[in-house]
Amino acid sequence: MSDQTSDDGVDFLWGCKAIAAFIDRTPRQTFHLLEAKKLPAGKVGATWVGSKSTLTKHLHRIARGEGFDALPRPDLAPSGREKTEDR
């Protein structure tokens, strides 16, 4: 796919190859990071989509030593499922 900047300044990277080129990794390495939720990106249909600015901020956090787990995560129960409120 490709990278695109829209009129409102959103800097999307469409596809694993575009994200990989932006972070200077191979598509295979990038796919692994995306599937493991180590990069802030999501899927639109079957296509990975990320933002240059969000990826840059995330990589800066890693460079500061905050690690891969600096991504916000839903509150998960030990089973790996989202916790539900007690009724």
PDB file of N, CA and C in Angstrom:
ATOM      1  N   MET A   1       0.839  -1.169   0.000  1.00  0.00           N
ATOM      2  CA  MET A   1       0.000   0.000   0.000  1.00  0.00           C
ATOM      3  C   MET A   1       0.892   1.242   0.000  1.00  0.00           C
ATOM      4  N   SER A   2       0.506   2.269   0.764  1.00  0.00           N
ATOM      5  CA  SER A   2       1.281   3.497   0.707  1.00  0.00           C
ATOM      6  C   SER A   2       1.051   4.337   1.959  1.00  0.00           C
ATOM      7  N   ASP A   3       1.784   5.452   1.983  1.00  0.00           N
ATOM      8  CA  ASP A   3       1.502   6.399   3.055  1.00  0.00           C
ATOM      9  C   ASP A   3       0.744   7.569   2.453  1.00  0.00           C
ATOM     10  N   GLN A   4      -0.099   8.176   3.279  1.00  0.00           N
ATOM     11  CA  GLN A   4      -0.927   9.278   2.811  1.00  0.00           C
ATOM     12  C   GLN A   4      -1.066  10.303   3.921  1.00  0.00           C
ATOM     13  N   THR A   5      -1.091  11.555   3.541  1.00  0.00           N
ATOM     14  CA  THR A   5      -1.422  12.618   4.470  1.00  0.00           C
ATOM     15  C   THR A   5      -2.692  13.269   3.959  1.00  0.00           C
ATOM     16  N   SER A   6      -3.705  13.299   4.818  1.00  0.00           N
ATOM     17  CA  SER A   6      -4.985  13.857   4.395  1.00  0.00           C
ATOM     18  C   SER A   6      -4.997  15.365   4.604  1.00  0.00           C
ATOM     19  N   ASP A   7      -6.081  15.987   4.184  1.00  0.00           N
ATOM     20  CA  ASP A   7      -6.222  17.435   4.306  1.00  0.00           C
ATOM     21  C   ASP A   7      -6.186  17.908   5.762  1.00  0.00           C
ATOM     22  N   ASP A   8      -6.615  17.040   6.693  1.00  0.00           N
ATOM     23  CA  ASP A   8      -6.627  17.444   8.100  1.00  0.00           C
ATOM     24  C   ASP A   8      -5.314  17.115   8.811  1.00  0.00           C
ATOM     25  N   GLY A   9      -4.281  16.721   8.068  1.00  0.00           N
ATOM     26  CA  GLY A   9      -2.961  16.493   8.633  1.00  0.00           C
ATOM     27  C   GLY A   9      -2.734  15.106   9.186  1.00  0.00           C
ATOM     28  N   VAL A  10      -3.700  14.204   9.064  1.00  0.00           N
ATOM     29  CA  VAL A  10      -3.518  12.841   9.543  1.00  0.00           C
ATOM     30  C   VAL A  10      -2.560  12.128   8.600  1.00  0.00           C
ATOM     31  N   ASP A  11      -1.568  11.486   9.179  1.00  0.00           N
ATOM     32  CA  ASP A  11      -0.468  10.916   8.406  1.00  0.00           C
ATOM     33  C   ASP A  11      -0.510   9.393   8.406  1.00  0.00           C
ATOM     34  N   PHE A  12      -1.462   8.829   7.701  1.00  0.00           N
ATOM     35  CA  PHE A  12      -1.656   7.390   7.700  1.00  0.00           C
ATOM     36  C   PHE A  12      -0.589   6.654   6.901  1.00  0.00           C
ATOM     37  N   LEU A  13      -0.227   5.486   7.415  1.00  0.00           N
ATOM     38  CA  LEU A  13       0.592   4.522   6.692  1.00  0.00           C
ATOM     39  C   LEU A  13      -0.304   3.308   6.471  1.00  0.00           C
ATOM     40  N   TRP A  14      -0.554   2.995   5.211  1.00  0.00           N
ATOM     41  CA  TRP A  14      -1.457   1.897   4.878  1.00  0.00           C
ATOM     42  C   TRP A  14      -0.660   0.677   4.469  1.00  0.00           C
ATOM     43  N   GLY A  15      -0.783  -0.394   5.227  1.00  0.00           N
ATOM     44  CA  GLY A  15      -0.136  -1.660   4.905  1.00  0.00           C
ATOM     45  C   GLY A  15       1.135  -1.887   5.711  1.00  0.00           C
ATOM     46  N   CYS A  16       1.399  -3.150   5.940  1.00  0.00           N
ATOM     47  CA  CYS A  16       2.569  -3.553   6.720  1.00  0.00           C
ATOM     48  C   CYS A  16       3.872  -3.090   6.060  1.00  0.00           C
ATOM     49  N   LYS A  17       3.937  -3.142   4.739  1.00  0.00           N
ATOM     50  CA  LYS A  17       5.161  -2.718   4.044  1.00  0.00           C
ATOM     51  C   LYS A  17       5.454  -1.238   4.256  1.00  0.00           C
ATOM     52  N   ALA A  18       4.427  -0.399   4.232  1.00  0.00           N
ATOM     53  CA  ALA A  18       4.617   1.043   4.442  1.00  0.00           C
ATOM     54  C   ALA A  18       5.046   1.313   5.880  1.00  0.00           C
ATOM     55  N   ILE A  19       4.435   0.612   6.833  1.00  0.00           N
ATOM     56  CA  ILE A  19       4.821   0.773   8.230  1.00  0.00           C
ATOM     57  C   ILE A  19       6.260   0.296   8.420  1.00  0.00           C
ATOM     58  N   ALA A  20       6.598  -0.840   7.819  1.00  0.00           N
ATOM     59  CA  ALA A  20       7.960  -1.389   7.921  1.00  0.00           C
ATOM     60  C   ALA A  20       8.995  -0.417   7.368  1.00  0.00           C
ATOM     61  N   ALA A  21       8.721   0.167   6.229  1.00  0.00           N
ATOM     62  CA  ALA A  21       9.660   1.122   5.629  1.00  0.00           C
ATOM     63  C   ALA A  21       9.840   2.336   6.541  1.00  0.00           C
ATOM     64  N   PHE A  22       8.743   2.779   7.163  1.00  0.00           N
ATOM     65  CA  PHE A  22       8.812   3.951   8.030  1.00  0.00           C
ATOM     66  C   PHE A  22       9.648   3.694   9.279  1.00  0.00           C
ATOM     67  N   ILE A  23       9.539   2.487   9.866  1.00  0.00           N
ATOM     68  CA  ILE A  23      10.288   2.188  11.093  1.00  0.00           C
ATOM     69  C   ILE A  23      11.611   1.476  10.806  1.00  0.00           C
ATOM     70  N   ASP A  24      11.944   1.330   9.539  1.00  0.00           N
ATOM     71  CA  ASP A  24      13.216   0.736   9.113  1.00  0.00           C
ATOM     72  C   ASP A  24      13.380  -0.696   9.611  1.00  0.00           C
ATOM     73  N   ARG A  25      12.336  -1.505   9.417  1.00  0.00           N
ATOM     74  CA  ARG A  25      12.343  -2.926   9.738  1.00  0.00           C
ATOM     75  C   ARG A  25      11.845  -3.680   8.518  1.00  0.00           C
ATOM     76  N   THR A  26      12.050  -4.983   8.503  1.00  0.00           N
ATOM     77  CA  THR A  26      11.528  -5.784   7.402  1.00  0.00           C
ATOM     78  C   THR A  26      10.013  -5.931   7.585  1.00  0.00           C
ATOM     79  N   PRO A  27       9.297  -6.212   6.505  1.00  0.00           N
ATOM     80  CA  PRO A  27       7.859  -6.452   6.650  1.00  0.00           C
ATOM     81  C   PRO A  27       7.562  -7.608   7.611  1.00  0.00           C
ATOM     82  N   ARG A  28       8.380  -8.636   7.606  1.00  0.00           N
ATOM     83  CA  ARG A  28       8.166  -9.778   8.504  1.00  0.00           C
ATOM     84  C   ARG A  28       8.327  -9.363   9.972  1.00  0.00           C
ATOM     85  N   GLN A  29       9.390  -8.604  10.275  1.00  0.00           N
ATOM     86  CA  GLN A  29       9.590  -8.115  11.642  1.00  0.00           C
ATOM     87  C   GLN A  29       8.427  -7.226  12.065  1.00  0.00           C
ATOM     88  N   THR A  30       8.009  -6.367  11.172  1.00  0.00           N
ATOM     89  CA  THR A  30       6.923  -5.430  11.460  1.00  0.00           C
ATOM     90  C   THR A  30       5.614  -6.167  11.675  1.00  0.00           C
ATOM     91  N   PHE A  31       5.333  -7.170  10.857  1.00  0.00           N
ATOM     92  CA  PHE A  31       4.110  -7.950  11.011  1.00  0.00           C
ATOM     93  C   PHE A  31       4.080  -8.604  12.392  1.00  0.00           C
ATOM     94  N   HIS A  32       5.217  -9.154  12.807  1.00  0.00           N
ATOM     95  CA  HIS A  32       5.296  -9.773  14.133  1.00  0.00           C
ATOM     96  C   HIS A  32       4.994  -8.745  15.224  1.00  0.00           C
ATOM     97  N   LEU A  33       5.585  -7.556  15.129  1.00  0.00           N
ATOM     98  CA  LEU A  33       5.349  -6.506  16.114  1.00  0.00           C
ATOM     99  C   LEU A  33       3.886  -6.056  16.119  1.00  0.00           C
ATOM    100  N   LEU A  34       3.296  -5.959  14.946  1.00  0.00           N
ATOM    101  CA  LEU A  34       1.895  -5.560  14.845  1.00  0.00           C
ATOM    102  C   LEU A  34       0.979  -6.618  15.457  1.00  0.00           C
ATOM    103  N   GLU A  35       1.193  -7.878  15.098  1.00  0.00           N
ATOM    104  CA  GLU A  35       0.360  -8.964  15.613  1.00  0.00           C
ATOM    105  C   GLU A  35       0.505  -9.107  17.128  1.00  0.00           C
ATOM    106  N   ALA A  36       1.698  -8.824  17.660  1.00  0.00           N
ATOM    107  CA  ALA A  36       1.938  -8.912  19.103  1.00  0.00           C
ATOM    108  C   ALA A  36       1.489  -7.637  19.834  1.00  0.00           C
ATOM    109  N   LYS A  37       0.903  -6.697  19.096  1.00  0.00           N
ATOM    110  CA  LYS A  37       0.422  -5.424  19.640  1.00  0.00           C
ATOM    111  C   LYS A  37       1.548  -4.627  20.299  1.00  0.00           C
ATOM    112  N   LYS A  38       2.729  -4.698  19.693  1.00  0.00           N
ATOM    113  CA  LYS A  38       3.878  -3.947  20.178  1.00  0.00           C
ATOM    114  C   LYS A  38       4.011  -2.608  19.464  1.00  0.00           C
ATOM    115  N   LEU A  39       3.187  -2.385  18.453  1.00  0.00           N
ATOM    116  CA  LEU A  39       3.167  -1.110  17.730  1.00  0.00           C
ATOM    117  C   LEU A  39       1.747  -0.559  17.755  1.00  0.00           C
ATOM    118  N   PRO A  40       1.608   0.758  17.869  1.00  0.00           N
ATOM    119  CA  PRO A  40       0.276   1.363  17.904  1.00  0.00           C
ATOM    120  C   PRO A  40      -0.318   1.488  16.501  1.00  0.00           C
ATOM    121  N   ALA A  41      -0.981   0.440  16.082  1.00  0.00           N
ATOM    122  CA  ALA A  41      -1.620   0.416  14.763  1.00  0.00           C
ATOM    123  C   ALA A  41      -2.821  -0.518  14.865  1.00  0.00           C
ATOM    124  N   GLY A  42      -3.678  -0.450  13.883  1.00  0.00           N
ATOM    125  CA  GLY A  42      -4.846  -1.312  13.871  1.00  0.00           C
ATOM    126  C   GLY A  42      -5.143  -1.778  12.464  1.00  0.00           C
ATOM    127  N   LYS A  43      -6.184  -2.563  12.351  1.00  0.00           N
ATOM    128  CA  LYS A  43      -6.567  -3.093  11.050  1.00  0.00           C
ATOM    129  C   LYS A  43      -7.851  -2.439  10.567  1.00  0.00           C
ATOM    130  N   VAL A  44      -7.849  -2.128   9.295  1.00  0.00           N
ATOM    131  CA  VAL A  44      -9.065  -1.732   8.590  1.00  0.00           C
ATOM    132  C   VAL A  44      -9.287  -2.850   7.592  1.00  0.00           C
ATOM    133  N   GLY A  45     -10.284  -3.672   7.867  1.00  0.00           N
ATOM    134  CA  GLY A  45     -10.444  -4.890   7.084  1.00  0.00           C
ATOM    135  C   GLY A  45      -9.256  -5.789   7.361  1.00  0.00           C
ATOM    136  N   ALA A  46      -8.526  -6.141   6.321  1.00  0.00           N
ATOM    137  CA  ALA A  46      -7.341  -6.987   6.468  1.00  0.00           C
ATOM    138  C   ALA A  46      -6.045  -6.180   6.386  1.00  0.00           C
ATOM    139  N   THR A  47      -6.146  -4.859   6.302  1.00  0.00           N
ATOM    140  CA  THR A  47      -4.976  -4.005   6.086  1.00  0.00           C
ATOM    141  C   THR A  47      -4.568  -3.303   7.369  1.00  0.00           C
ATOM    142  N   TRP A  48      -3.280  -3.408   7.717  1.00  0.00           N
ATOM    143  CA  TRP A  48      -2.755  -2.691   8.872  1.00  0.00           C
ATOM    144  C   TRP A  48      -2.664  -1.203   8.537  1.00  0.00           C
ATOM    145  N   VAL A  49      -3.048  -0.363   9.485  1.00  0.00           N
ATOM    146  CA  VAL A  49      -2.993   1.090   9.304  1.00  0.00           C
ATOM    147  C   VAL A  49      -2.363   1.702  10.555  1.00  0.00           C
ATOM    148  N   GLY A  50      -1.373   2.548  10.327  1.00  0.00           N
ATOM    149  CA  GLY A  50      -0.719   3.242  11.429  1.00  0.00           C
ATOM    150  C   GLY A  50      -0.572   4.709  11.101  1.00  0.00           C
ATOM    151  N   SER A  51      -0.166   5.468  12.067  1.00  0.00           N
ATOM    152  CA  SER A  51       0.053   6.900  11.904  1.00  0.00           C
ATOM    153  C   SER A  51       1.527   7.196  12.138  1.00  0.00           C
ATOM    154  N   LYS A  52       2.116   7.977  11.246  1.00  0.00           N
ATOM    155  CA  LYS A  52       3.533   8.335  11.396  1.00  0.00           C
ATOM    156  C   LYS A  52       3.781   8.999  12.740  1.00  0.00           C
ATOM    157  N   SER A  53       2.934   9.944  13.112  1.00  0.00           N
ATOM    158  CA  SER A  53       3.156  10.679  14.358  1.00  0.00           C
ATOM    159  C   SER A  53       2.997   9.775  15.578  1.00  0.00           C
ATOM    160  N   THR A  54       2.014   8.890  15.568  1.00  0.00           N
ATOM    161  CA  THR A  54       1.811   7.984  16.697  1.00  0.00           C
ATOM    162  C   THR A  54       2.956   6.987  16.805  1.00  0.00           C
ATOM    163  N   LEU A  55       3.397   6.450  15.681  1.00  0.00           N
ATOM    164  CA  LEU A  55       4.536   5.520  15.694  1.00  0.00           C
ATOM    165  C   LEU A  55       5.798   6.223  16.184  1.00  0.00           C
ATOM    166  N   THR A  56       6.012   7.450  15.737  1.00  0.00           N
ATOM    167  CA  THR A  56       7.195   8.211  16.163  1.00  0.00           C
ATOM    168  C   THR A  56       7.174   8.437  17.673  1.00  0.00           C
ATOM    169  N   LYS A  57       6.034   8.849  18.214  1.00  0.00           N
ATOM    170  CA  LYS A  57       5.927   9.055  19.659  1.00  0.00           C
ATOM    171  C   LYS A  57       6.193   7.759  20.416  1.00  0.00           C
ATOM    172  N   HIS A  58       5.635   6.662  19.926  1.00  0.00           N
ATOM    173  CA  HIS A  58       5.832   5.364  20.568  1.00  0.00           C
ATOM    174  C   HIS A  58       7.305   4.958  20.551  1.00  0.00           C
ATOM    175  N   LEU A  59       7.967   5.142  19.420  1.00  0.00           N
ATOM    176  CA  LEU A  59       9.383   4.775  19.324  1.00  0.00           C
ATOM    177  C   LEU A  59      10.245   5.677  20.208  1.00  0.00           C
ATOM    178  N   HIS A  60       9.869   6.933  20.376  1.00  0.00           N
ATOM    179  CA  HIS A  60      10.589   7.822  21.293  1.00  0.00           C
ATOM    180  C   HIS A  60      10.434   7.349  22.741  1.00  0.00           C
ATOM    181  N   ARG A  61       9.233   6.868  23.101  1.00  0.00           N
ATOM    182  CA  ARG A  61       9.034   6.318  24.454  1.00  0.00           C
ATOM    183  C   ARG A  61       9.949   5.120  24.681  1.00  0.00           C
ATOM    184  N   ILE A  62      10.063   4.272  23.668  1.00  0.00           N
ATOM    185  CA  ILE A  62      10.940   3.099  23.780  1.00  0.00           C
ATOM    186  C   ILE A  62      12.390   3.549  23.933  1.00  0.00           C
ATOM    187  N   ALA A  63      12.786   4.545  23.157  1.00  0.00           N
ATOM    188  CA  ALA A  63      14.162   5.053  23.227  1.00  0.00           C
ATOM    189  C   ALA A  63      14.469   5.643  24.605  1.00  0.00           C
ATOM    190  N   ARG A  64      13.442   6.186  25.273  1.00  0.00           N
ATOM    191  CA  ARG A  64      13.634   6.729  26.622  1.00  0.00           C
ATOM    192  C   ARG A  64      13.652   5.635  27.677  1.00  0.00           C
ATOM    193  N   GLY A  65      13.471   4.385  27.258  1.00  0.00           N
ATOM    194  CA  GLY A  65      13.528   3.264  28.192  1.00  0.00           C
ATOM    195  C   GLY A  65      12.203   2.879  28.802  1.00  0.00           C
ATOM    196  N   GLU A  66      11.112   3.370  28.224  1.00  0.00           N
ATOM    197  CA  GLU A  66       9.802   3.024  28.760  1.00  0.00           C
ATOM    198  C   GLU A  66       9.298   1.690  28.228  1.00  0.00           C
ATOM    199  N   GLY A  67       9.991   1.107  27.255  1.00  0.00           N
ATOM    200  CA  GLY A  67       9.695  -0.246  26.787  1.00  0.00           C
ATOM    201  C   GLY A  67       8.504  -0.368  25.863  1.00  0.00           C
ATOM    202  N   PHE A  68       8.335  -1.584  25.336  1.00  0.00           N
ATOM    203  CA  PHE A  68       7.255  -1.882  24.410  1.00  0.00           C
ATOM    204  C   PHE A  68       5.891  -1.810  25.075  1.00  0.00           C
ATOM    205  N   ASP A  69       5.832  -2.043  26.369  1.00  0.00           N
ATOM    206  CA  ASP A  69       4.550  -2.103  27.045  1.00  0.00           C
ATOM    207  C   ASP A  69       3.998  -0.724  27.387  1.00  0.00           C
ATOM    208  N   ALA A  70       4.520   0.325  26.761  1.00  0.00           N
ATOM    209  CA  ALA A  70       4.033   1.673  27.008  1.00  0.00           C
ATOM    210  C   ALA A  70       2.692   1.932  26.322  1.00  0.00           C
ATOM    211  N   LEU A  71       2.214   0.972  25.521  1.00  0.00           N
ATOM    212  CA  LEU A  71       0.922   1.143  24.864  1.00  0.00           C
ATOM    213  C   LEU A  71      -0.199   0.999  25.875  1.00  0.00           C
ATOM    214  N   PRO A  72      -1.236   1.819  25.763  1.00  0.00           N
ATOM    215  CA  PRO A  72      -2.385   1.629  26.648  1.00  0.00           C
ATOM    216  C   PRO A  72      -3.066   0.307  26.321  1.00  0.00           C
ATOM    217  N   ARG A  73      -3.445  -0.433  27.334  1.00  0.00           N
ATOM    218  CA  ARG A  73      -4.087  -1.739  27.161  1.00  0.00           C
ATOM    219  C   ARG A  73      -5.415  -1.764  27.903  1.00  0.00           C
ATOM    220  N   PRO A  74      -6.369  -2.549  27.407  1.00  0.00           N
ATOM    221  CA  PRO A  74      -7.603  -2.719  28.175  1.00  0.00           C
ATOM    222  C   PRO A  74      -7.291  -3.502  29.444  1.00  0.00           C
ATOM    223  N   ASP A  75      -8.109  -3.322  30.441  1.00  0.00           N
ATOM    224  CA  ASP A  75      -7.936  -4.047  31.690  1.00  0.00           C
ATOM    225  C   ASP A  75      -8.308  -5.506  31.438  1.00  0.00           C
ATOM    226  N   LEU A  76      -7.327  -6.398  31.508  1.00  0.00           N
ATOM    227  CA  LEU A  76      -7.567  -7.798  31.187  1.00  0.00           C
ATOM    228  C   LEU A  76      -7.562  -8.655  32.445  1.00  0.00           C
ATOM    229  N   ALA A  77      -8.436  -9.609  32.463  1.00  0.00           N
ATOM    230  CA  ALA A  77      -8.458 -10.601  33.531  1.00  0.00           C
ATOM    231  C   ALA A  77      -7.320 -11.585  33.289  1.00  0.00           C
ATOM    232  N   PRO A  78      -6.925 -12.393  34.297  1.00  0.00           N
ATOM    233  CA  PRO A  78      -5.840 -13.363  34.109  1.00  0.00           C
ATOM    234  C   PRO A  78      -6.070 -14.309  32.928  1.00  0.00           C
ATOM    235  N   SER A  79      -7.311 -14.553  32.563  1.00  0.00           N
ATOM    236  CA  SER A  79      -7.608 -15.443  31.443  1.00  0.00           C
ATOM    237  C   SER A  79      -7.293 -14.798  30.100  1.00  0.00           C
ATOM    238  N   GLY A  80      -7.007 -13.491  30.104  1.00  0.00           N
ATOM    239  CA  GLY A  80      -6.757 -12.776  28.862  1.00  0.00           C
ATOM    240  C   GLY A  80      -8.007 -12.125  28.307  1.00  0.00           C
ATOM    241  N   ARG A  81      -9.139 -12.318  28.983  1.00  0.00           N
ATOM    242  CA  ARG A  81     -10.385 -11.707  28.543  1.00  0.00           C
ATOM    243  C   ARG A  81     -10.607 -10.414  29.307  1.00  0.00           C
ATOM    244  N   GLU A  82     -11.324  -9.497  28.690  1.00  0.00           N
ATOM    245  CA  GLU A  82     -11.604  -8.235  29.355  1.00  0.00           C
ATOM    246  C   GLU A  82     -12.456  -8.480  30.592  1.00  0.00           C
ATOM    247  N   LYS A  83     -12.137  -7.738  31.660  1.00  0.00           N
ATOM    248  CA  LYS A  83     -12.907  -7.859  32.893  1.00  0.00           C
ATOM    249  C   LYS A  83     -14.275  -7.234  32.680  1.00  0.00           C
ATOM    250  N   THR A  84     -15.253  -7.814  33.324  1.00  0.00           N
ATOM    251  CA  THR A  84     -16.607  -7.251  33.276  1.00  0.00           C
ATOM    252  C   THR A  84     -16.970  -6.790  34.673  1.00  0.00           C
ATOM    253  N   GLU A  85     -17.832  -5.804  34.732  1.00  0.00           N
ATOM    254  CA  GLU A  85     -18.270  -5.279  36.011  1.00  0.00           C
ATOM    255  C   GLU A  85     -19.138  -6.311  36.717  1.00  0.00           C
ATOM    256  N   ASP A  86     -18.994  -6.429  38.053  1.00  0.00           N
ATOM    257  CA  ASP A  86     -19.871  -7.292  38.839  1.00  0.00           C
ATOM    258  C   ASP A  86     -21.257  -6.664  38.888  1.00  0.00           C
ATOM    259  N   ARG A  87     -22.259  -7.494  38.815  1.00  0.00           N
ATOM    260  CA  ARG A  87     -23.634  -6.974  38.814  1.00  0.00           C
ATOM    261  C   ARG A  87     -24.293  -7.170  40.135  1.00  0.00           C
TER     262      ARG A  87
END
